[in-house]
C-alpha atoms as a PDB file:
ATOM      1  CA  UNK A   1      -9.439 103.671 132.920  1.00  0.00           C
ATOM      2  CA  UNK A   2     -10.396 101.296 135.749  1.00  0.00           C
ATOM      3  CA  UNK A   3      -9.549 104.071 138.199  1.00  0.00           C
ATOM      4  CA  UNK A   4     -11.782 106.479 136.335  1.00  0.00           C
ATOM      5  CA  UNK A   5     -14.653 104.013 136.328  1.00  0.00           C
ATOM      6  CA  UNK A   6     -14.180 103.536 140.076  1.00  0.00           C
ATOM      7  CA  UNK A   7     -14.298 107.307 140.528  1.00  0.00           C
ATOM      8  CA  UNK A   8     -17.490 107.466 138.521  1.00  0.00           C
ATOM      9  CA  UNK A   9     -18.933 104.687 140.631  1.00  0.00           C
ATOM     10  CA  UNK A  10     -18.167 106.611 143.793  1.00  0.00           C
ATOM     11  CA  UNK A  11     -19.816 109.669 142.323  1.00  0.00           C
ATOM     12  CA  UNK A  12     -22.840 107.558 141.519  1.00  0.00           C
ATOM     13  CA  UNK A  13     -23.127 106.485 145.154  1.00  0.00           C
ATOM     14  CA  UNK A  14     -22.910 110.075 146.363  1.00  0.00           C
ATOM     15  CA  UNK A  15     -25.649 111.356 144.100  1.00  0.00           C
ATOM     16  CA  UNK A  16     -27.886 108.290 143.980  1.00  0.00           C
ATOM     17  CA  UNK A  17     -30.737 110.252 145.506  1.00  0.00           C
ATOM     18  CA  UNK A  18     -30.274 113.175 143.130  1.00  0.00           C
ATOM     19  CA  UNK A  19     -32.724 113.446 140.211  1.00  0.00           C
ATOM     20  CA  UNK A  20     -29.742 113.836 137.931  1.00  0.00           C
ATOM     21  CA  UNK A  21     -28.032 110.644 139.098  1.00  0.00           C
ATOM     22  CA  UNK A  22     -29.079 108.825 135.941  1.00  0.00           C
ATOM     23  CA  UNK A  23     -26.342 110.688 134.084  1.00  0.00           C
ATOM     24  CA  UNK A  24     -23.525 108.834 135.861  1.00  0.00           C
ATOM     25  CA  UNK A  25     -24.212 105.271 134.675  1.00  0.00           C
ATOM     26  CA  UNK A  26     -24.632 106.697 131.201  1.00  0.00           C
ATOM     27  CA  UNK A  27     -21.197 108.283 131.400  1.00  0.00           C
ATOM     28  CA  UNK A  28     -19.842 104.962 132.601  1.00  0.00           C
ATOM     29  CA  UNK A  29     -21.457 103.214 129.669  1.00  0.00           C
ATOM     30  CA  UNK A  30     -20.072 105.619 127.114  1.00  0.00           C
ATOM     31  CA  UNK A  31     -16.605 105.473 128.704  1.00  0.00           C
ATOM     32  CA  UNK A  32     -16.604 101.709 128.255  1.00  0.00           C
ATOM     33  CA  UNK A  33     -17.665 102.101 124.643  1.00  0.00           C
ATOM     34  CA  UNK A  34     -14.902 104.591 123.968  1.00  0.00           C
ATOM     35  CA  UNK A  35     -12.153 102.211 125.056  1.00  0.00           C
ATOM     36  CA  UNK A  36     -13.683  98.924 123.918  1.00  0.00           C
ATOM     37  CA  UNK A  37     -11.905  96.855 121.232  1.00  0.00           C
ATOM     38  CA  UNK A  38     -14.739  97.659 118.818  1.00  0.00           C
ATOM     39  CA  UNK A  39     -14.286 101.399 119.252  1.00  0.00           C
ATOM     40  CA  UNK A  40     -12.954 103.480 116.342  1.00  0.00           C
ATOM     41  CA  UNK A  41      -9.232 104.059 116.057  1.00  0.00           C
ATOM     42  CA  UNK A  42      -7.634 106.966 117.864  1.00  0.00           C
ATOM     43  CA  UNK A  43      -7.593 109.143 114.765  1.00  0.00           C
ATOM     44  CA  UNK A  44     -11.216 108.312 113.998  1.00  0.00           C
ATOM     45  CA  UNK A  45     -12.221 109.209 117.552  1.00  0.00           C
ATOM     46  CA  UNK A  46     -10.253 112.431 117.318  1.00  0.00           C
ATOM     47  CA  UNK A  47     -12.018 113.239 114.088  1.00  0.00           C
ATOM     48  CA  UNK A  48     -15.560 112.259 114.950  1.00  0.00           C
ATOM     49  CA  UNK A  49     -16.424 112.867 118.571  1.00  0.00           C
ATOM     50  CA  UNK A  50     -17.618 116.084 120.105  1.00  0.00           C
ATOM     51  CA  UNK A  51     -18.917 116.765 123.580  1.00  0.00           C
ATOM     52  CA  UNK A  52     -20.901 119.743 124.676  1.00  0.00           C
ATOM     53  CA  UNK A  53     -22.332 120.829 127.982  1.00  0.00           C
ATOM     54  CA  UNK A  54     -24.683 123.704 128.375  1.00  0.00           C
ATOM     55  CA  UNK A  55     -27.351 125.063 130.671  1.00  0.00           C
ATOM     56  CA  UNK A  56     -30.183 127.326 129.624  1.00  0.00           C
ATOM     57  CA  UNK A  57     -33.867 127.929 130.190  1.00  0.00           C
ATOM     58  CA  UNK A  58     -33.712 126.455 133.685  1.00  0.00           C
ATOM     59  CA  UNK A  59     -32.415 123.081 132.448  1.00  0.00           C
ATOM     60  CA  UNK A  60     -29.104 121.407 131.803  1.00  0.00           C
ATOM     61  CA  UNK A  61     -28.105 118.938 129.164  1.00  0.00           C
ATOM     62  CA  UNK A  62     -25.056 116.783 128.420  1.00  0.00           C
ATOM     63  CA  UNK A  63     -24.852 115.577 124.844  1.00  0.00           C
ATOM     64  CA  UNK A  64     -22.558 113.584 122.636  1.00  0.00           C
ATOM     65  CA  UNK A  65     -22.891 113.871 118.898  1.00  0.00           C
ATOM     66  CA  UNK A  66     -23.017 110.300 117.558  1.00  0.00           C
ATOM     67  CA  UNK A  67     -23.641 111.602 114.049  1.00  0.00           C
ATOM     68  CA  UNK A  68     -19.890 112.223 114.084  1.00  0.00           C
ATOM     69  CA  UNK A  69     -19.220 108.591 115.085  1.00  0.00           C
ATOM     70  CA  UNK A  70     -19.187 106.567 111.913  1.00  0.00           C
ATOM     71  CA  UNK A  71     -20.035 103.253 113.538  1.00  0.00           C
ATOM     72  CA  UNK A  72     -22.678 104.513 115.986  1.00  0.00           C
ATOM     73  CA  UNK A  73     -25.952 104.206 114.105  1.00  0.00           C
ATOM     74  CA  UNK A  74     -28.017 105.434 117.018  1.00  0.00           C
ATOM     75  CA  UNK A  75     -29.972 108.537 117.783  1.00  0.00           C
ATOM     76  CA  UNK A  76     -28.674 111.246 120.071  1.00  0.00           C
ATOM     77  CA  UNK A  77     -31.312 110.231 122.595  1.00  0.00           C
ATOM     78  CA  UNK A  78     -29.590 106.860 122.963  1.00  0.00           C
ATOM     79  CA  UNK A  79     -26.739 108.658 124.707  1.00  0.00           C
ATOM     80  CA  UNK A  80     -27.856 111.628 126.779  1.00  0.00           C
ATOM     81  CA  UNK A  81     -31.037 113.546 126.205  1.00  0.00           C
ATOM     82  CA  UNK A  82     -32.490 114.216 129.616  1.00  0.00           C
ATOM     83  CA  UNK A  83     -33.520 117.514 131.166  1.00  0.00           C
ATOM     84  CA  UNK A  84     -33.597 118.311 134.839  1.00  0.00           C
ATOM     85  CA  UNK A  85     -34.473 121.340 136.988  1.00  0.00           C
ATOM     86  CA  UNK A  86     -31.400 123.466 137.356  1.00  0.00           C
ATOM     87  CA  UNK A  87     -31.630 123.242 141.143  1.00  0.00           C
ATOM     88  CA  UNK A  88     -31.175 119.469 140.947  1.00  0.00           C
ATOM     89  CA  UNK A  89     -28.127 119.811 138.734  1.00  0.00           C
ATOM     90  CA  UNK A  90     -26.053 122.235 140.793  1.00  0.00           C
ATOM     91  CA  UNK A  91     -22.898 120.467 141.928  1.00  0.00           C
ATOM     92  CA  UNK A  92     -23.757 117.326 139.950  1.00  0.00           C
ATOM     93  CA  UNK A  93     -23.292 118.923 136.559  1.00  0.00           C
ATOM     94  CA  UNK A  94     -19.806 120.112 137.414  1.00  0.00           C
ATOM     95  CA  UNK A  95     -18.748 116.759 138.874  1.00  0.00           C
ATOM     96  CA  UNK A  96     -20.129 114.694 136.022  1.00  0.00           C
ATOM     97  CA  UNK A  97     -18.832 117.071 133.377  1.00  0.00           C
ATOM     98  CA  UNK A  98     -15.312 116.878 134.807  1.00  0.00           C
ATOM     99  CA  UNK A  99     -15.569 113.114 135.068  1.00  0.00           C
ATOM    100  CA  UNK A 100     -16.698 112.843 131.460  1.00  0.00           C
ATOM    101  CA  UNK A 101     -13.862 115.056 130.259  1.00  0.00           C
ATOM    102  CA  UNK A 102     -11.375 112.945 132.248  1.00  0.00           C
ATOM    103  CA  UNK A 103     -12.720 109.805 130.568  1.00  0.00           C
ATOM    104  CA  UNK A 104     -12.421 111.379 127.146  1.00  0.00           C
ATOM    105  CA  UNK A 105      -8.890 112.621 127.794  1.00  0.00           C
ATOM    106  CA  UNK A 106      -7.762 109.259 129.156  1.00  0.00           C
ATOM    107  CA  UNK A 107      -9.167 107.611 126.047  1.00  0.00           C
ATOM    108  CA  UNK A 108      -7.148 109.960 123.785  1.00  0.00           C
ATOM    109  CA  UNK A 109     -10.339 111.621 122.582  1.00  0.00           C
ATOM    110  CA  UNK A 110     -10.275 115.283 121.745  1.00  0.00           C
ATOM    111  CA  UNK A 111     -13.025 117.408 123.270  1.00  0.00           C
ATOM    112  CA  UNK A 112     -14.091 119.999 120.725  1.00  0.00           C
ATOM    113  CA  UNK A 113     -16.876 122.542 120.464  1.00  0.00           C
ATOM    114  CA  UNK A 114     -19.983 121.171 118.802  1.00  0.00           C
ATOM    115  CA  UNK A 115     -19.581 123.448 115.789  1.00  0.00           C
ATOM    116  CA  UNK A 116     -16.500 121.577 114.523  1.00  0.00           C
ATOM    117  CA  UNK A 117     -12.848 120.799 115.012  1.00  0.00           C
ATOM    118  CA  UNK A 118      -9.946 123.171 115.024  1.00  0.00           C
ATOM    119  CA  UNK A 119      -7.879 123.080 111.825  1.00  0.00           C
ATOM    120  CA  UNK A 120      -4.777 120.887 111.715  1.00  0.00           C
ATOM    121  CA  UNK A 121      -1.707 122.906 110.773  1.00  0.00           C
ATOM    122  CA  UNK A 122       1.508 121.413 109.419  1.00  0.00           C
ATOM    123  CA  UNK A 123       4.540 123.717 109.642  1.00  0.00           C
ATOM    124  CA  UNK A 124       7.465 122.716 107.480  1.00  0.00           C
ATOM    125  CA  UNK A 125      10.343 123.789 109.709  1.00  0.00           C
ATOM    126  CA  UNK A 126      12.171 120.587 110.699  1.00  0.00           C
ATOM    127  CA  UNK A 127      13.016 117.204 109.224  1.00  0.00           C
ATOM    128  CA  UNK A 128      12.334 114.849 112.118  1.00  0.00           C
ATOM    129  CA  UNK A 129       8.627 115.428 112.660  1.00  0.00           C
ATOM    130  CA  UNK A 130       5.662 117.545 111.679  1.00  0.00           C
ATOM    131  CA  UNK A 131       2.596 118.205 113.846  1.00  0.00           C
ATOM    132  CA  UNK A 132       4.053 115.615 116.243  1.00  0.00           C
ATOM    133  CA  UNK A 133       4.180 112.963 113.506  1.00  0.00           C
ATOM    134  CA  UNK A 134       7.457 111.263 112.566  1.00  0.00           C
ATOM    135  CA  UNK A 135       8.789 112.018 109.088  1.00  0.00           C
ATOM    136  CA  UNK A 136      10.330 109.613 106.608  1.00  0.00           C
ATOM    137  CA  UNK A 137      12.837 111.590 104.562  1.00  0.00           C
ATOM    138  CA  UNK A 138      13.827 110.587 101.023  1.00  0.00           C
ATOM    139  CA  UNK A 139      16.715 112.311  99.283  1.00  0.00           C
ATOM    140  CA  UNK A 140      18.049 115.498 100.846  1.00  0.00           C
ATOM    141  CA  UNK A 141      15.311 118.070 101.382  1.00  0.00           C
ATOM    142  CA  UNK A 142      16.527 120.808 103.672  1.00  0.00           C
ATOM    143  CA  UNK A 143      15.202 123.519 105.947  1.00  0.00           C
ATOM    144  CA  UNK A 144      15.662 127.059 104.654  1.00  0.00           C
ATOM    145  CA  UNK A 145      15.024 130.523 106.055  1.00  0.00           C
ATOM    146  CA  UNK A 146      12.606 132.689 104.091  1.00  0.00           C
ATOM    147  CA  UNK A 147      10.784 136.008 104.573  1.00  0.00           C
ATOM    148  CA  UNK A 148       7.833 133.926 105.803  1.00  0.00           C
ATOM    149  CA  UNK A 149       9.888 131.940 108.304  1.00  0.00           C
ATOM    150  CA  UNK A 150      11.268 128.449 107.898  1.00  0.00           C
ATOM    151  CA  UNK A 151      10.323 126.202 104.983  1.00  0.00           C
ATOM    152  CA  UNK A 152      11.496 122.925 103.477  1.00  0.00           C
ATOM    153  CA  UNK A 153      13.027 122.992 100.021  1.00  0.00           C
ATOM    154  CA  UNK A 154      12.889 120.096  97.531  1.00  0.00           C
ATOM    155  CA  UNK A 155      15.267 119.629  94.591  1.00  0.00           C
ATOM    156  CA  UNK A 156      12.777 118.241  92.061  1.00  0.00           C
ATOM    157  CA  UNK A 157      14.779 115.058  91.520  1.00  0.00           C
ATOM    158  CA  UNK A 158      14.642 112.823  94.583  1.00  0.00           C
ATOM    159  CA  UNK A 159      13.621 114.863  97.637  1.00  0.00           C
ATOM    160  CA  UNK A 160      10.418 114.001  99.486  1.00  0.00           C
ATOM    161  CA  UNK A 161       8.766 113.644 102.881  1.00  0.00           C
ATOM    162  CA  UNK A 162       6.323 110.952 103.956  1.00  0.00           C
ATOM    163  CA  UNK A 163       3.927 111.507 106.875  1.00  0.00           C
ATOM    164  CA  UNK A 164       1.962 108.631 108.485  1.00  0.00           C
ATOM    165  CA  UNK A 165      -1.406 110.394 108.509  1.00  0.00           C
ATOM    166  CA  UNK A 166      -4.205 111.342 106.123  1.00  0.00           C
ATOM    167  CA  UNK A 167      -5.310 114.599 107.788  1.00  0.00           C
ATOM    168  CA  UNK A 168      -8.662 114.707 105.956  1.00  0.00           C
ATOM    169  CA  UNK A 169      -9.696 111.095 106.581  1.00  0.00           C
ATOM    170  CA  UNK A 170     -13.400 110.971 107.395  1.00  0.00           C
ATOM    171  CA  UNK A 171     -14.044 114.579 106.331  1.00  0.00           C
ATOM    172  CA  UNK A 172     -17.359 115.122 104.543  1.00  0.00           C
ATOM    173  CA  UNK A 173     -16.456 118.746 103.842  1.00  0.00           C
ATOM    174  CA  UNK A 174     -13.018 120.311 103.934  1.00  0.00           C
ATOM    175  CA  UNK A 175     -10.531 122.999 102.985  1.00  0.00           C
ATOM    176  CA  UNK A 176      -7.001 121.867 102.123  1.00  0.00           C
ATOM    177  CA  UNK A 177      -4.543 124.782 101.924  1.00  0.00           C
ATOM    178  CA  UNK A 178      -0.832 125.322 101.505  1.00  0.00           C
ATOM    179  CA  UNK A 179       1.662 128.142 101.129  1.00  0.00           C
ATOM    180  CA  UNK A 180       4.409 127.107  98.731  1.00  0.00           C
ATOM    181  CA  UNK A 181       6.942 128.409  96.217  1.00  0.00           C
ATOM    182  CA  UNK A 182       7.336 126.550  92.925  1.00  0.00           C
ATOM    183  CA  UNK A 183      10.826 127.240  91.624  1.00  0.00           C
ATOM    184  CA  UNK A 184      12.446 127.472  88.206  1.00  0.00           C
ATOM    185  CA  UNK A 185      14.078 124.436  86.661  1.00  0.00           C
ATOM    186  CA  UNK A 186      11.504 121.811  87.577  1.00  0.00           C
ATOM    187  CA  UNK A 187       9.705 119.291  85.368  1.00  0.00           C
ATOM    188  CA  UNK A 188       6.567 120.127  83.424  1.00  0.00           C
ATOM    189  CA  UNK A 189       4.389 117.917  85.640  1.00  0.00           C
ATOM    190  CA  UNK A 190       4.987 118.036  89.401  1.00  0.00           C
ATOM    191  CA  UNK A 191       2.846 116.268  91.998  1.00  0.00           C
ATOM    192  CA  UNK A 192       3.848 117.878  95.242  1.00  0.00           C
ATOM    193  CA  UNK A 193       1.246 117.143  97.963  1.00  0.00           C
ATOM    194  CA  UNK A 194      -0.516 113.784  98.040  1.00  0.00           C
ATOM    195  CA  UNK A 195      -3.041 112.527 100.610  1.00  0.00           C
ATOM    196  CA  UNK A 196      -3.555 108.812 100.046  1.00  0.00           C
ATOM    197  CA  UNK A 197      -6.061 106.372 101.519  1.00  0.00           C
ATOM    198  CA  UNK A 198      -4.777 102.956 102.633  1.00  0.00           C
ATOM    199  CA  UNK A 199      -6.580  99.643 102.839  1.00  0.00           C
ATOM    200  CA  UNK A 200      -7.076  99.015 106.595  1.00  0.00           C
ATOM    201  CA  UNK A 201      -6.602  95.261 106.112  1.00  0.00           C
ATOM    202  CA  UNK A 202      -3.474  95.256 103.987  1.00  0.00           C
ATOM    203  CA  UNK A 203      -1.966  98.672 104.607  1.00  0.00           C
ATOM    204  CA  UNK A 204      -1.574  99.105 100.854  1.00  0.00           C
ATOM    205  CA  UNK A 205      -2.554 102.303  99.069  1.00  0.00           C
ATOM    206  CA  UNK A 206      -5.960 102.316  97.478  1.00  0.00           C
ATOM    207  CA  UNK A 207      -6.514 104.463  94.405  1.00  0.00           C
ATOM    208  CA  UNK A 208      -8.437 107.055  96.469  1.00  0.00           C
ATOM    209  CA  UNK A 209      -6.528 110.288  96.917  1.00  0.00           C
ATOM    210  CA  UNK A 210      -6.307 114.077  96.982  1.00  0.00           C
ATOM    211  CA  UNK A 211      -3.461 115.739  95.112  1.00  0.00           C
ATOM    212  CA  UNK A 212      -2.002 119.183  94.645  1.00  0.00           C
ATOM    213  CA  UNK A 213      -0.092 119.292  91.371  1.00  0.00           C
ATOM    214  CA  UNK A 214       1.332 121.966  89.105  1.00  0.00           C
ATOM    215  CA  UNK A 215       1.989 122.198  85.368  1.00  0.00           C
ATOM    216  CA  UNK A 216       4.833 124.423  84.210  1.00  0.00           C
ATOM    217  CA  UNK A 217       4.011 126.323  80.997  1.00  0.00           C
ATOM    218  CA  UNK A 218       6.303 128.982  79.454  1.00  0.00           C
ATOM    219  CA  UNK A 219       8.180 129.510  82.708  1.00  0.00           C
ATOM    220  CA  UNK A 220       4.922 129.937  84.636  1.00  0.00           C
ATOM    221  CA  UNK A 221       2.701 127.458  86.413  1.00  0.00           C
ATOM    222  CA  UNK A 222      -0.943 126.522  86.824  1.00  0.00           C
ATOM    223  CA  UNK A 223      -2.586 124.558  89.613  1.00  0.00           C
ATOM    224  CA  UNK A 224      -4.087 121.102  89.311  1.00  0.00           C
ATOM    225  CA  UNK A 225      -6.321 120.215  92.293  1.00  0.00           C
ATOM    226  CA  UNK A 226      -7.261 116.568  91.932  1.00  0.00           C
ATOM    227  CA  UNK A 227      -9.592 114.128  93.668  1.00  0.00           C
ATOM    228  CA  UNK A 228     -10.036 110.453  92.865  1.00  0.00           C
ATOM    229  CA  UNK A 229     -12.429 108.013  94.581  1.00  0.00           C
ATOM    230  CA  UNK A 230     -14.200 104.840  93.402  1.00  0.00           C
ATOM    231  CA  UNK A 231     -16.965 107.021  91.891  1.00  0.00           C
ATOM    232  CA  UNK A 232     -15.235 110.335  91.104  1.00  0.00           C
ATOM    233  CA  UNK A 233     -12.188 111.339  89.095  1.00  0.00           C
ATOM    234  CA  UNK A 234     -11.876 115.092  88.781  1.00  0.00           C
ATOM    235  CA  UNK A 235      -8.962 117.409  88.011  1.00  0.00           C
ATOM    236  CA  UNK A 236      -9.444 121.146  88.346  1.00  0.00           C
ATOM    237  CA  UNK A 237      -6.727 122.060  85.851  1.00  0.00           C
ATOM    238  CA  UNK A 238      -6.936 125.328  83.920  1.00  0.00           C
ATOM    239  CA  UNK A 239      -3.885 125.919  81.751  1.00  0.00           C
ATOM    240  CA  UNK A 240      -4.849 129.487  80.934  1.00  0.00           C
ATOM    241  CA  UNK A 241      -4.618 130.585  84.586  1.00  0.00           C
ATOM    242  CA  UNK A 242      -0.879 131.007  84.986  1.00  0.00           C
ATOM    243  CA  UNK A 243       1.189 132.280  87.896  1.00  0.00           C
ATOM    244  CA  UNK A 244       4.778 133.317  88.533  1.00  0.00           C
ATOM    245  CA  UNK A 245       7.518 130.922  89.569  1.00  0.00           C
ATOM    246  CA  UNK A 246       9.975 131.686  92.369  1.00  0.00           C
ATOM    247  CA  UNK A 247       7.516 133.623  94.561  1.00  0.00           C
ATOM    248  CA  UNK A 248       5.264 132.484  97.390  1.00  0.00           C
ATOM    249  CA  UNK A 249       1.662 131.553  96.643  1.00  0.00           C
ATOM    250  CA  UNK A 250      -1.392 130.362  98.550  1.00  0.00           C
ATOM    251  CA  UNK A 251      -3.378 127.442  97.141  1.00  0.00           C
ATOM    252  CA  UNK A 252      -6.567 125.799  98.340  1.00  0.00           C
ATOM    253  CA  UNK A 253      -8.984 123.061  97.382  1.00  0.00           C
ATOM    254  CA  UNK A 254     -12.432 123.299  98.951  1.00  0.00           C
ATOM    255  CA  UNK A 255     -15.328 120.847  99.093  1.00  0.00           C
ATOM    256  CA  UNK A 256     -18.694 121.784 100.609  1.00  0.00           C
ATOM    257  CA  UNK A 257     -20.390 118.432 100.023  1.00  0.00           C
ATOM    258  CA  UNK A 258     -21.646 119.427  96.584  1.00  0.00           C
ATOM    259  CA  UNK A 259     -19.085 121.594  94.828  1.00  0.00           C
ATOM    260  CA  UNK A 260     -15.331 121.091  94.484  1.00  0.00           C
ATOM    261  CA  UNK A 261     -13.338 124.340  94.018  1.00  0.00           C
ATOM    262  CA  UNK A 262      -9.699 125.388  93.623  1.00  0.00           C
ATOM    263  CA  UNK A 263      -8.008 128.692  94.407  1.00  0.00           C
ATOM    264  CA  UNK A 264      -4.640 130.391  93.938  1.00  0.00           C
ATOM    265  CA  UNK A 265      -3.932 133.437  96.090  1.00  0.00           C
ATOM    266  CA  UNK A 266      -7.594 133.605  97.043  1.00  0.00           C
ATOM    267  CA  UNK A 267      -8.788 133.736  93.417  1.00  0.00           C
ATOM    268  CA  UNK A 268     -11.103 131.022  92.118  1.00  0.00           C
ATOM    269  CA  UNK A 269      -9.425 128.870  89.452  1.00  0.00           C
ATOM    270  CA  UNK A 270     -12.313 126.529  88.731  1.00  0.00           C
ATOM    271  CA  UNK A 271     -15.111 124.428  90.180  1.00  0.00           C
ATOM    272  CA  UNK A 272     -17.186 121.324  89.553  1.00  0.00           C
ATOM    273  CA  UNK A 273     -20.420 119.931  90.959  1.00  0.00           C
ATOM    274  CA  UNK A 274     -19.507 116.447  92.193  1.00  0.00           C
ATOM    275  CA  UNK A 275     -20.228 114.178  95.138  1.00  0.00           C
ATOM    276  CA  UNK A 276     -17.816 111.805  96.837  1.00  0.00           C
ATOM    277  CA  UNK A 277     -17.704 109.978 100.147  1.00  0.00           C
ATOM    278  CA  UNK A 278     -15.115 110.746 102.854  1.00  0.00           C
ATOM    279  CA  UNK A 279     -11.761 109.115 102.402  1.00  0.00           C
ATOM    280  CA  UNK A 280     -10.430 106.567 104.859  1.00  0.00           C
ATOM    281  CA  UNK A 281      -7.247 106.731 106.968  1.00  0.00           C
ATOM    282  CA  UNK A 282      -3.936 106.709 105.173  1.00  0.00           C
ATOM    283  CA  UNK A 283      -0.737 108.715 104.779  1.00  0.00           C
ATOM    284  CA  UNK A 284       0.702 111.678 102.912  1.00  0.00           C
ATOM    285  CA  UNK A 285       3.678 112.658 100.800  1.00  0.00           C
ATOM    286  CA  UNK A 286       5.140 116.094 100.158  1.00  0.00           C
ATOM    287  CA  UNK A 287       7.580 116.791  97.315  1.00  0.00           C
ATOM    288  CA  UNK A 288       6.396 113.863  95.227  1.00  0.00           C
ATOM    289  CA  UNK A 289       3.491 111.604  94.407  1.00  0.00           C
ATOM    290  CA  UNK A 290       3.041 108.848  96.989  1.00  0.00           C
ATOM    291  CA  UNK A 291       4.745 106.328  94.645  1.00  0.00           C
ATOM    292  CA  UNK A 292       7.827 108.548  94.221  1.00  0.00           C
ATOM    293  CA  UNK A 293       7.268 109.975  90.757  1.00  0.00           C
ATOM    294  CA  UNK A 294       6.804 113.542  89.435  1.00  0.00           C
ATOM    295  CA  UNK A 295       9.046 115.211  92.022  1.00  0.00           C
ATOM    296  CA  UNK A 296       8.574 118.853  92.994  1.00  0.00           C
ATOM    297  CA  UNK A 297      11.162 121.614  92.671  1.00  0.00           C
ATOM    298  CA  UNK A 298      10.376 124.294  95.190  1.00  0.00           C
ATOM    299  CA  UNK A 299       9.654 124.996  98.834  1.00  0.00           C
ATOM    300  CA  UNK A 300       6.722 124.426 101.199  1.00  0.00           C
ATOM    301  CA  UNK A 301       6.108 126.657 104.200  1.00  0.00           C
ATOM    302  CA  UNK A 302       2.838 125.507 105.766  1.00  0.00           C
ATOM    303  CA  UNK A 303      -0.309 123.466 105.141  1.00  0.00           C
ATOM    304  CA  UNK A 304      -3.665 123.616 106.868  1.00  0.00           C
ATOM    305  CA  UNK A 305      -6.534 121.128 106.916  1.00  0.00           C
ATOM    306  CA  UNK A 306      -9.983 122.313 107.986  1.00  0.00           C
ATOM    307  CA  UNK A 307     -13.056 120.085 108.225  1.00  0.00           C
ATOM    308  CA  UNK A 308     -15.416 122.602 106.686  1.00  0.00           C
ATOM    309  CA  UNK A 309     -15.588 124.618 103.496  1.00  0.00           C
ATOM    310  CA  UNK A 310     -13.931 127.961 104.181  1.00  0.00           C
ATOM    311  CA  UNK A 311     -14.733 131.107 102.216  1.00  0.00           C
ATOM    312  CA  UNK A 312     -11.697 132.756 100.563  1.00  0.00           C
ATOM    313  CA  UNK A 313     -11.564 135.513 103.167  1.00  0.00           C
ATOM    314  CA  UNK A 314     -10.739 132.876 105.794  1.00  0.00           C
ATOM    315  CA  UNK A 315      -7.878 131.290 103.850  1.00  0.00           C
ATOM    316  CA  UNK A 316      -4.272 131.385 105.027  1.00  0.00           C
ATOM    317  CA  UNK A 317      -2.678 134.775 104.452  1.00  0.00           C
ATOM    318  CA  UNK A 318       0.770 135.865 103.407  1.00  0.00           C
ATOM    319  CA  UNK A 319       2.306 138.474 105.715  1.00  0.00           C
ATOM    320  CA  UNK A 320       2.078 141.952 104.227  1.00  0.00           C
ATOM    321  CA  UNK A 321       5.122 142.758 102.120  1.00  0.00           C
ATOM    322  CA  UNK A 322       6.547 139.232 102.333  1.00  0.00           C
ATOM    323  CA  UNK A 323       5.170 137.567  99.230  1.00  0.00           C
ATOM    324  CA  UNK A 324       8.457 137.775  97.343  1.00  0.00           C
ATOM    325  CA  UNK A 325      11.347 135.361  97.056  1.00  0.00           C
END
């Protein structure tokens, strides 16, 4: 980082007489903020920062979006909100943009388009890691080949995976999806995908969580999409909406900031008007509840976490003709 700051300083010297030179010390200031001890954690920075550069109408503008930075209670103008004639920006814009991107990359900050982040996809095809995250394996879940590709199968007794990330931490809106196959012979109540918040001081689980669960009724199953926070406790559980065991299904829970909805195979199961604050960082379990109860008998192929409320037509799809066993 010192090298990058030196580079920015050299750029500042070169363009000191340029009307756009004021941008460089601002980039230096923000680069220091991004790597200071008081900065958000890496995952928070990944989740909350966006950078955009654009030129139009004869002017150029470089903007960060501090509304995405939880601990930056400042207006956008406090970062960059200056306009310059396009003639004065030629050459400078490219240099400063590249420098800013280098600073962000060196600080482990993801540069994303201003309209939102790309979804995070977890593919269940190996037992050592998922999405680059190390796995803790309990019992003997195993990788299987299916018409959809690889999946991980759980025995419903002791098999589980633990992942050291809450992929929806900080999300004000979201879509949480999975493609899975609940299988015959499991318990009546199965809690198979748990996103749990942890206390940042103690590392212990709080009671705040998202859960995908199923209930097995007459050799069929229904979905339970559950959210619990200090102010909300809501289960979208509809026992009359039953689905077949031993075949692949798509499930989703969606929150748009006002309404919480659940879906199976793109069909709405239920909804509720509720409000809850974003959850904090934590971890996840697959195949069981986070405290190792209510194990799941079945297989999981993929999960996807999107930081906006998707319409059903944008949900994960099953390949044509491959929705069977």
